[in-house]
Amino acid sequence: MTITKDMTIGQILDLDPSTATFFMQMGMHCLGCPASRGESVEDACAVHGVSVNELLDKLNAHVAGK
């Protein structure tokens, strides 16, 4: 599985709940909010001023190691 910038946060959390840690580390503390679950990774990163590529690298390294 490869996580892409177009995937929603909800899709990623449903595939692997342990990825929540990486969102939290990047300052995305609103994971329980229904609106955030429908937000794409790219949009969430833009709102939070976070590098989408940095987050994707961390998420994909994590899921590849499972």
N, C-alpha and C. Protein backbone atom coordinates (compact mmCIF):
# COMPACT_ATOMS: atom_id res chain seq x y z
N MET A 1 0.85 -1.18 0.00
CA MET A 1 0.00 0.00 0.00
C MET A 1 0.89 1.24 0.00
N THR A 2 0.55 2.20 -0.84
CA THR A 2 1.24 3.48 -0.88
C THR A 2 0.24 4.56 -0.55
N ILE A 3 0.59 5.39 0.40
CA ILE A 3 -0.26 6.52 0.79
C ILE A 3 0.07 7.69 -0.13
N THR A 4 -0.97 8.30 -0.68
CA THR A 4 -0.80 9.42 -1.60
C THR A 4 -1.43 10.68 -1.03
N LYS A 5 -1.06 11.81 -1.61
CA LYS A 5 -1.57 13.10 -1.13
C LYS A 5 -3.06 13.27 -1.37
N ASP A 6 -3.63 12.46 -2.26
CA ASP A 6 -5.05 12.56 -2.57
C ASP A 6 -5.93 11.73 -1.64
N MET A 7 -5.32 10.85 -0.87
CA MET A 7 -6.09 10.03 0.07
C MET A 7 -6.59 10.90 1.21
N THR A 8 -7.74 10.53 1.75
CA THR A 8 -8.26 11.28 2.89
C THR A 8 -7.62 10.75 4.17
N ILE A 9 -7.63 11.59 5.17
CA ILE A 9 -7.09 11.19 6.47
C ILE A 9 -7.88 9.99 6.99
N GLY A 10 -9.18 10.00 6.79
CA GLY A 10 -10.02 8.88 7.23
C GLY A 10 -9.63 7.57 6.57
N GLN A 11 -9.35 7.60 5.28
CA GLN A 11 -8.94 6.39 4.57
C GLN A 11 -7.65 5.83 5.17
N ILE A 12 -6.72 6.71 5.45
CA ILE A 12 -5.42 6.29 5.98
C ILE A 12 -5.58 5.71 7.38
N LEU A 13 -6.36 6.39 8.22
CA LEU A 13 -6.57 5.91 9.58
C LEU A 13 -7.33 4.58 9.59
N ASP A 14 -8.25 4.40 8.66
CA ASP A 14 -8.98 3.14 8.57
C ASP A 14 -8.05 1.99 8.14
N LEU A 15 -7.12 2.28 7.23
CA LEU A 15 -6.17 1.27 6.78
C LEU A 15 -5.16 0.91 7.86
N ASP A 16 -4.73 1.92 8.63
CA ASP A 16 -3.73 1.69 9.67
C ASP A 16 -3.87 2.75 10.76
N PRO A 17 -4.62 2.43 11.82
CA PRO A 17 -4.83 3.40 12.90
C PRO A 17 -3.56 3.91 13.56
N SER A 18 -2.47 3.13 13.48
CA SER A 18 -1.22 3.56 14.11
C SER A 18 -0.58 4.75 13.41
N THR A 19 -1.09 5.12 12.22
CA THR A 19 -0.55 6.29 11.53
C THR A 19 -0.96 7.60 12.22
N ALA A 20 -1.92 7.54 13.12
CA ALA A 20 -2.37 8.74 13.83
C ALA A 20 -1.21 9.45 14.50
N THR A 21 -0.25 8.70 14.99
CA THR A 21 0.92 9.27 15.65
C THR A 21 1.64 10.27 14.75
N PHE A 22 1.76 9.95 13.48
CA PHE A 22 2.49 10.80 12.55
C PHE A 22 1.74 12.09 12.26
N PHE A 23 0.41 12.00 12.18
CA PHE A 23 -0.40 13.21 12.01
C PHE A 23 -0.25 14.11 13.23
N MET A 24 -0.29 13.50 14.41
CA MET A 24 -0.18 14.26 15.66
C MET A 24 1.19 14.93 15.77
N GLN A 25 2.25 14.23 15.37
CA GLN A 25 3.60 14.79 15.42
C GLN A 25 3.73 16.01 14.51
N MET A 26 2.95 16.05 13.45
CA MET A 26 3.00 17.16 12.50
C MET A 26 2.06 18.30 12.92
N GLY A 27 1.41 18.17 14.08
CA GLY A 27 0.55 19.24 14.58
C GLY A 27 -0.91 19.10 14.20
N MET A 28 -1.28 17.97 13.63
CA MET A 28 -2.68 17.74 13.24
C MET A 28 -3.39 17.01 14.37
N HIS A 29 -3.87 17.78 15.35
CA HIS A 29 -4.46 17.21 16.55
C HIS A 29 -5.97 17.03 16.45
N CYS A 30 -6.56 17.31 15.31
CA CYS A 30 -8.01 17.26 15.17
C CYS A 30 -8.49 16.00 14.46
N LEU A 31 -7.81 14.90 14.67
CA LEU A 31 -8.12 13.67 13.95
C LEU A 31 -9.50 13.12 14.27
N GLY A 32 -10.03 13.45 15.43
CA GLY A 32 -11.36 12.97 15.80
C GLY A 32 -12.48 13.78 15.19
N CYS A 33 -12.17 14.91 14.63
CA CYS A 33 -13.18 15.78 14.04
C CYS A 33 -13.70 15.15 12.74
N PRO A 34 -15.00 15.05 12.59
CA PRO A 34 -15.56 14.44 11.36
C PRO A 34 -15.08 15.13 10.08
N ALA A 35 -14.88 16.42 10.11
CA ALA A 35 -14.44 17.14 8.91
C ALA A 35 -13.03 16.73 8.52
N SER A 36 -12.17 16.49 9.49
CA SER A 36 -10.78 16.15 9.16
C SER A 36 -10.68 14.79 8.49
N ARG A 37 -11.57 13.88 8.81
CA ARG A 37 -11.53 12.55 8.20
C ARG A 37 -11.77 12.60 6.70
N GLY A 38 -12.50 13.60 6.23
CA GLY A 38 -12.78 13.73 4.81
C GLY A 38 -11.80 14.60 4.05
N GLU A 39 -10.84 15.14 4.78
CA GLU A 39 -9.86 16.05 4.18
C GLU A 39 -8.72 15.24 3.56
N SER A 40 -8.26 15.67 2.40
CA SER A 40 -7.11 14.99 1.80
C SER A 40 -5.85 15.34 2.58
N VAL A 41 -4.86 14.48 2.45
CA VAL A 41 -3.58 14.74 3.11
C VAL A 41 -3.01 16.06 2.61
N GLU A 42 -3.11 16.29 1.32
CA GLU A 42 -2.58 17.53 0.74
C GLU A 42 -3.26 18.76 1.33
N ASP A 43 -4.59 18.73 1.42
CA ASP A 43 -5.33 19.86 1.97
C ASP A 43 -5.01 20.07 3.45
N ALA A 44 -4.94 18.99 4.21
CA ALA A 44 -4.64 19.09 5.63
C ALA A 44 -3.25 19.69 5.86
N CYS A 45 -2.30 19.27 5.06
CA CYS A 45 -0.94 19.80 5.19
C CYS A 45 -0.91 21.29 4.85
N ALA A 46 -1.66 21.69 3.83
CA ALA A 46 -1.70 23.10 3.45
C ALA A 46 -2.29 23.95 4.58
N VAL A 47 -3.36 23.46 5.19
CA VAL A 47 -4.01 24.20 6.28
C VAL A 47 -3.08 24.33 7.48
N HIS A 48 -2.31 23.28 7.76
CA HIS A 48 -1.45 23.26 8.94
C HIS A 48 -0.03 23.74 8.67
N GLY A 49 0.26 24.12 7.43
CA GLY A 49 1.59 24.62 7.10
C GLY A 49 2.67 23.55 7.21
N VAL A 50 2.32 22.34 6.82
CA VAL A 50 3.21 21.20 6.93
C VAL A 50 3.56 20.71 5.53
N SER A 51 4.76 20.21 5.36
CA SER A 51 5.20 19.67 4.08
C SER A 51 4.49 18.35 3.80
N VAL A 52 3.72 18.31 2.72
CA VAL A 52 3.00 17.08 2.36
C VAL A 52 4.00 15.97 2.05
N ASN A 53 5.09 16.30 1.40
CA ASN A 53 6.09 15.28 1.05
C ASN A 53 6.76 14.69 2.30
N GLU A 54 7.02 15.53 3.28
CA GLU A 54 7.63 15.05 4.53
C GLU A 54 6.68 14.08 5.24
N LEU A 55 5.41 14.45 5.32
CA LEU A 55 4.44 13.57 5.98
C LEU A 55 4.27 12.27 5.20
N LEU A 56 4.15 12.36 3.89
CA LEU A 56 4.00 11.15 3.07
C LEU A 56 5.20 10.22 3.22
N ASP A 57 6.39 10.79 3.27
CA ASP A 57 7.60 9.97 3.46
C ASP A 57 7.52 9.20 4.78
N LYS A 58 7.11 9.88 5.84
CA LYS A 58 7.01 9.23 7.16
C LYS A 58 5.93 8.15 7.15
N LEU A 59 4.76 8.49 6.61
CA LEU A 59 3.66 7.53 6.59
C LEU A 59 4.01 6.30 5.76
N ASN A 60 4.57 6.52 4.58
CA ASN A 60 4.89 5.38 3.71
C ASN A 60 6.03 4.52 4.27
N ALA A 61 6.99 5.14 4.93
CA ALA A 61 8.05 4.35 5.58
C ALA A 61 7.47 3.49 6.69
N HIS A 62 6.51 4.05 7.41
CA HIS A 62 5.86 3.32 8.51
C HIS A 62 5.08 2.12 7.98
N VAL A 63 4.24 2.34 6.99
CA VAL A 63 3.42 1.23 6.50
C VAL A 63 4.27 0.19 5.74
N ALA A 64 5.37 0.61 5.16
CA ALA A 64 6.24 -0.34 4.45
C ALA A 64 6.95 -1.25 5.44
N GLY A 65 7.16 -0.75 6.65
CA GLY A 65 7.87 -1.53 7.66
C GLY A 65 6.99 -2.53 8.38
N LYS A 66 5.72 -2.59 8.04
CA LYS A 66 4.80 -3.53 8.71
C LYS A 66 4.77 -4.86 8.03
